[in-house]
Amino acid sequence: MTRLASPAELARAAADAIMADLSRANRGVVVDSPPGAGKSTLVVRAAAELAAAGERIMVAGQTNEQVDDLVGRLAAQLPQLPVGRLGARGYAVPERVAQLSNVQAATNATDLAACPVVLGTAAKWATVTEETPWPWAIVDEAYQMRSDLLLRMAGQFEKALFVGDPGQLDPFSTVETERWLGLSWDPMSSAVAVLLNHNPQIPVHTLPVSWRLPATAAPVVSQSFYPFTGFTSATARSERQLTWNTHAFGTSAFDLALETAAEAGWALYELPHRHTLRTDAEAIRACAGLAARLLERGASTSSERSAEPLPVTPSRIAIGTAHRDQALAVKRVLAELGVHGVVADTANRLQGREFDVTIILHPLSGRRDATAFHLEVGRLCVLTSRHRHACIVVARAGIPELLDAHPSVDPVHLGVPAKFPDGWEANQSIMSHLANWRVPAP
């Protein structure tokens, strides 16, 4: 009988295939990475191996936080490698980067000529003008990058590795963009979409294993958001547990939701059906109350990372929302409850981050309609894929009926590939799963 490859072996084989393609004559390589699949690890490995081969590499991230994280990982893994941090004027180097002895920061790329690897945001690289192009570029979070930024920096490198998550939020704009829909160079298309549209011969790889999502979540997220490039969890269900240090609890809805999430990895804390304001006070208080109760119960996690149970601290809990005013309302209630350190933010700002437990306010909760913003497939994907152990969804009853009343009617544009699954279908899939772990609010 043929032995099935382990998740680690699958991940290693995929990374080896990607590195093999980089060594060939391809102008570029695209890597699709599902949530927590080791994207940053791949970026660090590619930069290290290319630098060891004598190449110079420019690395472009989408935010300063992403770039600083990559700088820290690369500099710590290769302490003998001079690493450059290219920043805009006024950029303050964070302490975790400044304390690394092999990192040099500058606002001008020429001042970092001695560094084989230089990292900066795509927006900063777009302002750099050099006569000699870099042999290699690595673009991190490439699906978040607008194609116009890629166009502005494309002349600066000869070959490139593009790494990103196709299921996350697309680039967005605060101005109307319909005039460019269907054009091959649509600036609001992702850098990867435009790249592949003009270079269909570029190889595309997929990382097959999520190191973040537990066995209870990977199949659900894979089926709902990545039906054509499915992935598995790196761990078995028995390898991760969420337990409680205090056991004398009642049968409140909060307690039942927490225990359901600990056992099943998911819970739907369902409030009565009602049309509400966006900052639904009852739903906001439920999100904050669940976080407070989780900390009061003294949650601990056991996983492949540690043989001993580790406490779930406030910084390892996230409350995700669709809108900033909802996140601000959650923070106010948390402060009223005396809870400090819990992360409460929008899906856009939680993108790329990882927590032990997430509590999310469903984008469609309490709404009368299902708008394109609230049906955005990437938004729900981000919210439901940040956790290592459990995700609790807070929502008012009636979302499946709302979806049935507002079927997907997005207009079809020539030259614009249909996105599948769309937000309507993804929401139906997630709600169908959550119905198994429903806890009614009192």
Protein backbone atom coordinates (compact mmCIF):
# COMPACT_ATOMS: atom_id res chain seq x y z
CA MET A 1 0.00 0.00 0.00
CA THR A 2 1.32 3.42 -0.95
CA ARG A 3 2.02 5.63 2.04
CA LEU A 4 0.25 8.97 1.96
CA ALA A 5 2.53 11.96 2.19
CA SER A 6 2.38 13.89 5.46
CA PRO A 7 1.38 17.59 5.45
CA ALA A 8 5.00 18.55 6.06
CA GLU A 9 6.12 16.46 3.08
CA LEU A 10 3.43 18.00 0.86
CA ALA A 11 4.47 21.50 1.89
CA ARG A 12 8.16 20.72 1.36
CA ALA A 13 7.54 19.25 -2.09
CA ALA A 14 5.52 22.32 -3.11
CA ALA A 15 8.24 24.70 -1.89
CA ASP A 16 10.94 22.67 -3.68
CA ALA A 17 8.96 22.82 -6.94
CA ILE A 18 8.64 26.59 -6.59
CA MET A 19 12.37 27.02 -5.99
CA ALA A 20 13.10 24.79 -8.99
CA ASP A 21 10.96 27.04 -11.20
CA LEU A 22 12.80 30.09 -9.89
CA SER A 23 16.08 28.58 -11.08
CA ARG A 24 14.74 28.12 -14.61
CA ALA A 25 14.42 30.76 -17.31
CA ASN A 26 10.93 31.90 -16.27
CA ARG A 27 10.42 35.65 -16.12
CA GLY A 28 8.24 35.11 -13.10
CA VAL A 29 6.55 32.62 -10.79
CA VAL A 30 3.18 33.04 -9.05
CA VAL A 31 2.40 31.27 -5.79
CA ASP A 32 -1.16 31.06 -4.45
CA SER A 33 -1.09 30.70 -0.69
CA PRO A 34 -4.21 29.90 1.36
CA PRO A 35 -4.44 31.29 4.93
CA GLY A 36 -1.47 30.36 7.08
CA ALA A 37 0.21 28.23 4.42
CA GLY A 38 3.72 29.48 5.08
CA LYS A 39 3.80 32.36 2.62
CA SER A 40 6.26 34.40 4.69
CA THR A 41 8.43 31.32 5.22
CA LEU A 42 8.58 30.85 1.45
CA VAL A 43 9.48 34.51 0.89
CA VAL A 44 12.31 34.29 3.42
CA ARG A 45 13.58 31.02 1.90
CA ALA A 46 13.52 32.43 -1.64
CA ALA A 47 15.35 35.59 -0.60
CA ALA A 48 17.94 33.59 1.33
CA GLU A 49 18.63 31.12 -1.50
CA LEU A 50 18.81 33.80 -4.18
CA ALA A 51 21.14 35.89 -2.03
CA ALA A 52 23.33 32.82 -1.40
CA ALA A 53 23.57 32.39 -5.17
CA GLY A 54 24.98 35.91 -5.49
CA GLU A 55 21.80 37.63 -6.63
CA ARG A 56 20.48 40.99 -5.42
CA ILE A 57 16.81 41.00 -4.49
CA MET A 58 14.28 43.75 -3.97
CA VAL A 59 11.33 42.71 -1.81
CA ALA A 60 8.04 44.62 -1.99
CA GLY A 61 5.34 44.34 0.66
CA GLN A 62 2.06 46.23 0.80
CA THR A 63 2.25 47.82 4.26
CA ASN A 64 5.07 48.88 6.57
CA GLU A 65 3.94 46.29 9.12
CA GLN A 66 4.24 43.47 6.58
CA VAL A 67 7.67 44.67 5.48
CA ASP A 68 8.93 45.05 9.05
CA ASP A 69 7.80 41.51 9.88
CA LEU A 70 9.68 40.16 6.85
CA VAL A 71 12.78 42.18 7.75
CA GLY A 72 12.74 40.73 11.25
CA ARG A 73 12.34 37.15 10.06
CA LEU A 74 14.97 37.39 7.34
CA ALA A 75 17.53 39.19 9.51
CA ALA A 76 17.03 36.78 12.41
CA GLN A 77 17.29 33.68 10.20
CA LEU A 78 20.39 34.94 8.37
CA PRO A 79 22.33 37.04 10.89
CA GLN A 80 25.37 37.29 8.56
CA LEU A 81 23.33 38.70 5.66
CA PRO A 82 23.19 42.52 5.36
CA VAL A 83 19.51 43.43 5.01
CA GLY A 84 18.29 46.82 3.83
CA ARG A 85 15.05 48.47 4.96
CA LEU A 86 13.92 51.09 2.46
CA GLY A 87 11.43 53.54 3.94
CA ALA A 88 9.71 56.76 3.04
CA ARG A 89 10.72 60.07 4.57
CA GLY A 90 9.35 60.24 8.08
CA TYR A 91 9.24 56.46 8.46
CA ALA A 92 10.21 55.47 12.00
CA VAL A 93 12.04 52.16 12.24
CA PRO A 94 10.31 50.06 14.94
CA GLU A 95 12.40 48.85 17.86
CA ARG A 96 12.19 45.20 16.81
CA VAL A 97 13.89 46.12 13.53
CA ALA A 98 16.30 48.76 14.83
CA GLN A 99 17.83 46.34 17.34
CA LEU A 100 18.91 43.90 14.60
CA SER A 101 22.61 44.45 13.94
CA ASN A 102 22.52 43.30 10.30
CA VAL A 103 19.70 45.66 9.26
CA GLN A 104 20.43 49.03 7.68
CA ALA A 105 17.60 51.53 7.12
CA ALA A 106 17.58 54.36 4.60
CA THR A 107 15.20 56.48 2.52
CA ASN A 108 17.34 56.21 -0.62
CA ALA A 109 17.99 52.88 -2.37
CA THR A 110 21.52 53.92 -3.36
CA ASP A 111 22.44 54.13 0.33
CA LEU A 112 21.68 50.40 0.60
CA ALA A 113 23.90 49.30 -2.29
CA ALA A 114 25.91 47.03 0.02
CA CYS A 115 22.81 45.02 1.00
CA PRO A 116 22.02 41.95 -1.16
CA VAL A 117 18.38 42.10 -0.01
CA VAL A 118 16.43 45.34 0.31
CA LEU A 119 12.84 45.44 1.54
CA GLY A 120 10.27 48.22 1.22
CA THR A 121 6.62 48.85 0.47
CA ALA A 122 5.43 48.69 -3.13
CA ALA A 123 4.43 52.36 -2.85
CA LYS A 124 8.02 53.26 -1.93
CA TRP A 125 9.55 51.11 -4.67
CA ALA A 126 7.29 52.84 -7.20
CA THR A 127 9.16 56.10 -6.48
CA VAL A 128 12.65 54.63 -6.93
CA THR A 129 14.47 55.36 -10.19
CA GLU A 130 17.61 53.36 -10.94
CA GLU A 131 19.31 52.82 -14.28
CA THR A 132 20.35 49.24 -13.54
CA PRO A 133 17.42 46.88 -12.84
CA TRP A 134 17.53 44.40 -9.98
CA PRO A 135 18.00 40.77 -11.06
CA TRP A 136 15.12 39.65 -8.82
CA ALA A 137 12.04 41.01 -7.12
CA ILE A 138 9.81 39.26 -4.59
CA VAL A 139 6.32 40.70 -4.25
CA ASP A 140 4.59 39.73 -1.02
CA GLU A 141 0.78 39.87 -0.65
CA ALA A 142 0.64 40.27 -4.44
CA TYR A 143 -3.14 39.89 -4.61
CA GLN A 144 -3.49 43.02 -2.44
CA MET A 145 -1.29 45.01 -4.81
CA ARG A 146 -2.96 47.17 -7.44
CA SER A 147 -1.78 46.61 -11.00
CA ASP A 148 -0.84 50.28 -11.47
CA LEU A 149 1.77 49.91 -8.71
CA LEU A 150 3.20 46.89 -10.51
CA LEU A 151 3.36 48.90 -13.73
CA ARG A 152 5.24 51.73 -11.99
CA MET A 153 7.90 49.41 -10.56
CA ALA A 154 8.05 46.73 -13.31
CA GLY A 155 11.04 48.32 -15.02
CA GLN A 156 13.16 47.93 -11.89
CA PHE A 157 13.57 44.13 -12.00
CA GLU A 158 14.24 41.36 -14.49
CA LYS A 159 12.53 38.37 -12.80
CA ALA A 160 10.02 38.13 -9.99
CA LEU A 161 8.32 35.84 -7.50
CA PHE A 162 4.73 36.85 -6.71
CA VAL A 163 3.27 35.39 -3.51
CA GLY A 164 -0.21 36.05 -2.16
CA ASP A 165 -3.58 34.74 -1.04
CA PRO A 166 -6.22 34.82 -3.81
CA GLY A 167 -9.03 34.48 -1.28
CA GLN A 168 -8.27 37.66 0.65
CA LEU A 169 -9.63 41.15 0.07
CA ASP A 170 -9.04 42.62 -3.38
CA PRO A 171 -7.44 46.05 -3.88
CA PHE A 172 -9.99 48.79 -3.26
CA SER A 173 -10.46 52.43 -4.16
CA THR A 174 -12.47 55.32 -2.77
CA VAL A 175 -13.27 56.60 -6.28
CA GLU A 176 -15.49 55.12 -8.98
CA THR A 177 -13.57 52.63 -11.14
CA GLU A 178 -16.21 51.38 -13.61
CA ARG A 179 -14.55 53.22 -16.51
CA TRP A 180 -11.64 50.72 -16.42
CA LEU A 181 -13.63 47.51 -16.03
CA GLY A 182 -12.70 44.92 -18.63
CA LEU A 183 -9.50 46.64 -19.73
CA SER A 184 -6.41 44.45 -19.65
CA TRP A 185 -4.59 47.07 -17.59
CA ASP A 186 -7.44 47.88 -15.17
CA PRO A 187 -5.59 49.60 -12.29
CA MET A 188 -8.02 48.12 -9.77
CA SER A 189 -7.21 44.56 -10.79
CA SER A 190 -4.66 42.82 -8.63
CA ALA A 191 -1.06 42.74 -9.78
CA VAL A 192 -1.32 38.96 -10.24
CA ALA A 193 -4.46 39.17 -12.39
CA VAL A 194 -2.91 41.64 -14.82
CA LEU A 195 0.41 39.80 -14.82
CA LEU A 196 -1.19 36.50 -15.81
CA ASN A 197 -3.49 38.19 -18.31
CA HIS A 198 -0.46 39.43 -20.24
CA ASN A 199 1.86 36.50 -19.45
CA PRO A 200 -0.21 33.29 -19.45
CA GLN A 201 2.93 31.16 -19.70
CA ILE A 202 4.09 32.09 -16.18
CA PRO A 203 3.88 29.02 -13.90
CA VAL A 204 1.41 29.14 -11.01
CA HIS A 205 1.92 27.06 -7.87
CA THR A 206 -0.33 26.49 -4.86
CA LEU A 207 0.80 25.85 -1.31
CA PRO A 208 -1.24 22.81 -0.16
CA VAL A 209 -1.10 23.01 3.64
CA SER A 210 -2.31 25.57 6.19
CA TRP A 211 -0.16 25.73 9.31
CA ARG A 212 -2.60 28.14 10.97
CA LEU A 213 -6.08 26.72 10.51
CA PRO A 214 -6.94 23.69 12.65
CA ALA A 215 -8.44 20.48 11.29
CA THR A 216 -11.90 21.77 12.26
CA ALA A 217 -11.52 24.85 10.03
CA ALA A 218 -9.37 23.96 7.03
CA PRO A 219 -12.03 21.84 5.24
CA VAL A 220 -14.71 24.50 5.78
CA VAL A 221 -12.57 27.43 4.61
CA SER A 222 -11.16 25.41 1.72
CA GLN A 223 -14.58 24.37 0.45
CA SER A 224 -16.15 27.81 0.92
CA PHE A 225 -13.39 29.99 -0.53
CA TYR A 226 -10.86 27.80 -2.39
CA PRO A 227 -12.91 25.10 -4.19
CA PHE A 228 -10.43 24.73 -7.07
CA THR A 229 -7.19 24.82 -5.08
CA GLY A 230 -8.14 23.05 -1.88
CA PHE A 231 -5.76 22.68 1.04
CA THR A 232 -5.49 20.67 4.23
CA SER A 233 -4.55 21.44 7.81
CA ALA A 234 -1.03 20.67 8.94
CA THR A 235 -2.35 19.24 12.20
CA ALA A 236 -4.78 16.54 13.21
CA ARG A 237 -7.79 17.36 15.35
CA SER A 238 -6.22 15.74 18.40
CA GLU A 239 -3.12 17.95 18.18
CA ARG A 240 -4.90 21.17 19.15
CA GLN A 241 -7.15 21.72 22.14
CA LEU A 242 -8.78 24.70 23.79
CA THR A 243 -9.33 24.03 27.49
CA TRP A 244 -10.41 25.94 30.58
CA ASN A 245 -8.57 26.52 33.83
CA THR A 246 -11.80 27.12 35.74
CA HIS A 247 -14.66 24.65 35.49
CA ALA A 248 -17.34 25.99 37.83
CA PHE A 249 -19.57 27.60 35.22
CA GLY A 250 -23.23 27.96 34.65
CA THR A 251 -25.25 27.37 31.52
CA SER A 252 -25.33 30.91 30.17
CA ALA A 253 -25.36 31.40 26.41
CA PHE A 254 -21.82 32.81 26.60
CA ASP A 255 -20.59 29.68 28.37
CA LEU A 256 -22.34 27.37 25.91
CA ALA A 257 -20.90 29.27 22.95
CA LEU A 258 -17.38 29.09 24.37
CA GLU A 259 -17.65 25.39 25.14
CA THR A 260 -19.11 24.68 21.69
CA ALA A 261 -16.25 26.57 20.05
CA ALA A 262 -13.69 24.72 22.17
CA GLU A 263 -15.13 21.36 21.17
CA ALA A 264 -16.07 21.95 17.52
CA GLY A 265 -13.78 24.82 16.54
CA TRP A 266 -16.84 26.90 15.62
CA ALA A 267 -19.88 28.45 17.28
CA LEU A 268 -22.71 30.63 16.04
CA TYR A 269 -23.93 32.92 18.81
CA GLU A 270 -27.30 33.78 17.30
CA LEU A 271 -29.27 36.82 18.42
CA PRO A 272 -33.01 37.16 17.68
CA HIS A 273 -33.93 38.33 14.20
CA ARG A 274 -34.19 42.10 13.96
CA HIS A 275 -33.22 44.86 11.55
CA THR A 276 -30.74 47.09 13.35
CA LEU A 277 -28.34 49.97 13.00
CA ARG A 278 -24.88 49.08 11.77
CA THR A 279 -23.54 49.48 15.30
CA ASP A 280 -26.06 47.04 16.75
CA ALA A 281 -25.59 47.60 20.49
CA GLU A 282 -26.71 44.09 21.45
CA ALA A 283 -24.40 42.40 18.93
CA ILE A 284 -21.48 44.67 19.88
CA ARG A 285 -21.96 43.86 23.55
CA ALA A 286 -22.15 40.14 22.73
CA CYS A 287 -18.79 40.26 20.92
CA ALA A 288 -17.10 42.07 23.80
CA GLY A 289 -18.87 39.93 26.41
CA LEU A 290 -17.70 36.69 24.82
CA ALA A 291 -14.09 37.92 24.87
CA ALA A 292 -14.41 38.99 28.50
CA ARG A 293 -15.96 35.66 29.50
CA LEU A 294 -13.24 33.73 27.65
CA LEU A 295 -10.56 35.54 29.65
CA GLU A 296 -12.53 35.11 32.88
CA ARG A 297 -12.69 31.37 32.34
CA GLY A 298 -8.94 31.21 31.84
CA ALA A 299 -8.58 29.59 28.43
CA SER A 300 -5.44 27.64 27.54
CA THR A 301 -4.31 26.13 24.27
CA SER A 302 -2.40 22.94 23.56
CA SER A 303 -0.83 22.48 20.15
CA GLU A 304 2.14 21.26 18.18
CA ARG A 305 3.99 24.43 19.16
CA SER A 306 4.26 23.61 22.86
CA ALA A 307 4.13 20.49 24.94
CA GLU A 308 2.69 22.53 27.83
CA PRO A 309 -0.66 24.38 27.72
CA LEU A 310 -0.27 28.09 27.05
CA PRO A 311 -2.70 30.71 28.40
CA VAL A 312 -4.81 32.63 25.91
CA THR A 313 -3.78 36.22 26.61
CA PRO A 314 -5.83 39.22 25.45
CA SER A 315 -3.47 39.86 22.53
CA ARG A 316 -4.24 36.36 21.21
CA ILE A 317 -7.95 37.18 20.87
CA ALA A 318 -9.34 39.19 17.95
CA ILE A 319 -12.80 40.64 17.37
CA GLY A 320 -13.36 41.23 13.66
CA THR A 321 -15.93 43.54 12.07
CA ALA A 322 -16.79 44.85 8.61
CA HIS A 323 -16.79 48.56 9.53
CA ARG A 324 -14.53 50.82 11.56
CA ASP A 325 -17.38 52.27 13.61
CA GLN A 326 -18.30 48.74 14.69
CA ALA A 327 -14.70 48.08 15.78
CA LEU A 328 -14.64 51.36 17.74
CA ALA A 329 -17.92 50.42 19.44
CA VAL A 330 -16.46 47.05 20.44
CA LYS A 331 -13.38 48.77 21.91
CA ARG A 332 -15.59 51.07 23.99
CA VAL A 333 -17.54 48.14 25.44
CA LEU A 334 -14.34 46.21 26.13
CA ALA A 335 -13.04 49.20 28.08
CA GLU A 336 -16.31 49.36 30.04
CA LEU A 337 -15.86 45.69 30.93
CA GLY A 338 -12.29 46.31 32.04
CA VAL A 339 -10.81 44.21 29.24
CA HIS A 340 -7.60 45.55 27.74
CA GLY A 341 -5.35 44.17 25.02
CA VAL A 342 -7.96 42.34 22.93
CA VAL A 343 -7.57 43.27 19.26
CA ALA A 344 -10.74 44.73 17.73
CA ASP A 345 -10.49 45.81 14.11
CA THR A 346 -11.87 45.51 10.59
CA ALA A 347 -11.18 42.64 8.23
CA ASN A 348 -8.88 44.90 6.18
CA ARG A 349 -6.63 45.49 9.18
CA LEU A 350 -6.77 41.91 10.46
CA GLN A 351 -5.65 40.58 7.08
CA GLY A 352 -2.42 38.62 7.40
CA ARG A 353 -2.63 38.33 11.20
CA GLU A 354 -3.08 35.23 13.37
CA PHE A 355 -4.81 34.63 16.72
CA ASP A 356 -5.76 31.73 18.96
CA VAL A 357 -9.46 32.65 19.08
CA THR A 358 -11.46 35.01 16.90
CA ILE A 359 -14.91 36.46 17.50
CA ILE A 360 -16.49 38.00 14.42
CA LEU A 361 -19.56 40.13 13.89
CA HIS A 362 -21.06 38.76 10.69
CA PRO A 363 -21.16 41.46 7.96
CA LEU A 364 -24.83 40.67 7.18
CA SER A 365 -26.08 40.63 10.78
CA GLY A 366 -29.19 42.76 11.26
CA ARG A 367 -29.21 44.07 7.69
CA ARG A 368 -32.23 44.61 5.46
CA ASP A 369 -30.22 44.06 2.27
CA ALA A 370 -27.10 42.29 1.03
CA THR A 371 -24.91 44.87 -0.68
CA ALA A 372 -21.79 44.14 -2.73
CA PHE A 373 -19.64 45.43 0.15
CA HIS A 374 -21.15 43.07 2.69
CA LEU A 375 -21.10 40.14 0.25
CA GLU A 376 -17.41 40.67 -0.60
CA VAL A 377 -16.03 37.13 -0.53
CA GLY A 378 -12.59 38.23 0.65
CA ARG A 379 -14.01 39.99 3.69
CA LEU A 380 -15.72 36.87 5.01
CA CYS A 381 -12.68 34.77 4.12
CA VAL A 382 -10.38 37.01 6.17
CA LEU A 383 -12.73 37.04 9.16
CA THR A 384 -13.16 33.26 9.25
CA SER A 385 -9.50 32.33 8.69
CA ARG A 386 -7.50 34.20 11.37
CA HIS A 387 -7.74 31.56 14.13
CA ARG A 388 -5.60 28.64 15.25
CA HIS A 389 -8.16 27.08 17.58
CA ALA A 390 -11.71 28.48 17.45
CA CYS A 391 -13.93 31.02 15.71
CA ILE A 392 -17.17 32.35 17.21
CA VAL A 393 -19.56 34.12 14.84
CA VAL A 394 -22.00 36.62 16.33
CA ALA A 395 -25.01 37.24 14.12
CA ARG A 396 -28.72 37.90 14.19
CA ALA A 397 -31.01 35.18 12.90
CA GLY A 398 -32.25 35.47 9.35
CA ILE A 399 -29.04 35.64 7.30
CA PRO A 400 -29.85 32.58 5.12
CA GLU A 401 -33.29 34.08 4.41
CA LEU A 402 -31.66 37.44 3.61
CA LEU A 403 -29.35 35.71 1.15
CA ASP A 404 -32.28 33.92 -0.48
CA ALA A 405 -34.06 37.26 -0.87
CA HIS A 406 -30.99 38.88 -2.44
CA PRO A 407 -29.53 36.38 -4.94
CA SER A 408 -26.28 37.27 -6.63
CA VAL A 409 -27.05 39.80 -9.39
CA ASP A 410 -23.61 41.24 -10.03
CA PRO A 411 -23.44 42.62 -13.57
CA VAL A 412 -21.31 40.73 -16.08
CA HIS A 413 -18.59 42.78 -17.77
CA LEU A 414 -16.74 41.76 -20.91
CA GLY A 415 -13.13 40.94 -20.19
CA VAL A 416 -13.70 40.51 -16.44
CA PRO A 417 -13.41 36.88 -15.28
CA ALA A 418 -16.25 35.79 -13.03
CA LYS A 419 -15.14 35.37 -9.45
CA PHE A 420 -15.98 31.97 -8.03
CA PRO A 421 -17.14 31.33 -5.47
CA ASP A 422 -18.87 34.68 -5.17
CA GLY A 423 -19.81 36.23 -1.86
CA TRP A 424 -23.39 34.96 -2.00
CA GLU A 425 -22.32 31.33 -2.38
CA ALA A 426 -19.52 31.61 0.20
CA ASN A 427 -21.90 33.08 2.77
CA GLN A 428 -24.41 30.30 2.16
CA SER A 429 -21.68 27.70 2.62
CA ILE A 430 -20.41 29.20 5.89
CA MET A 431 -23.91 29.68 7.33
CA SER A 432 -24.84 26.10 6.42
CA HIS A 433 -21.85 24.86 8.41
CA LEU A 434 -22.47 27.18 11.37
CA ALA A 435 -26.05 25.92 11.66
CA ASN A 436 -24.56 22.76 13.21
CA TRP A 437 -23.06 24.76 16.07
CA ARG A 438 -25.80 27.26 16.81
CA VAL A 439 -26.17 28.68 20.33
CA PRO A 440 -29.29 30.89 20.72
CA ALA A 441 -28.81 34.07 22.70
CA PRO A 442 -31.28 34.59 25.57
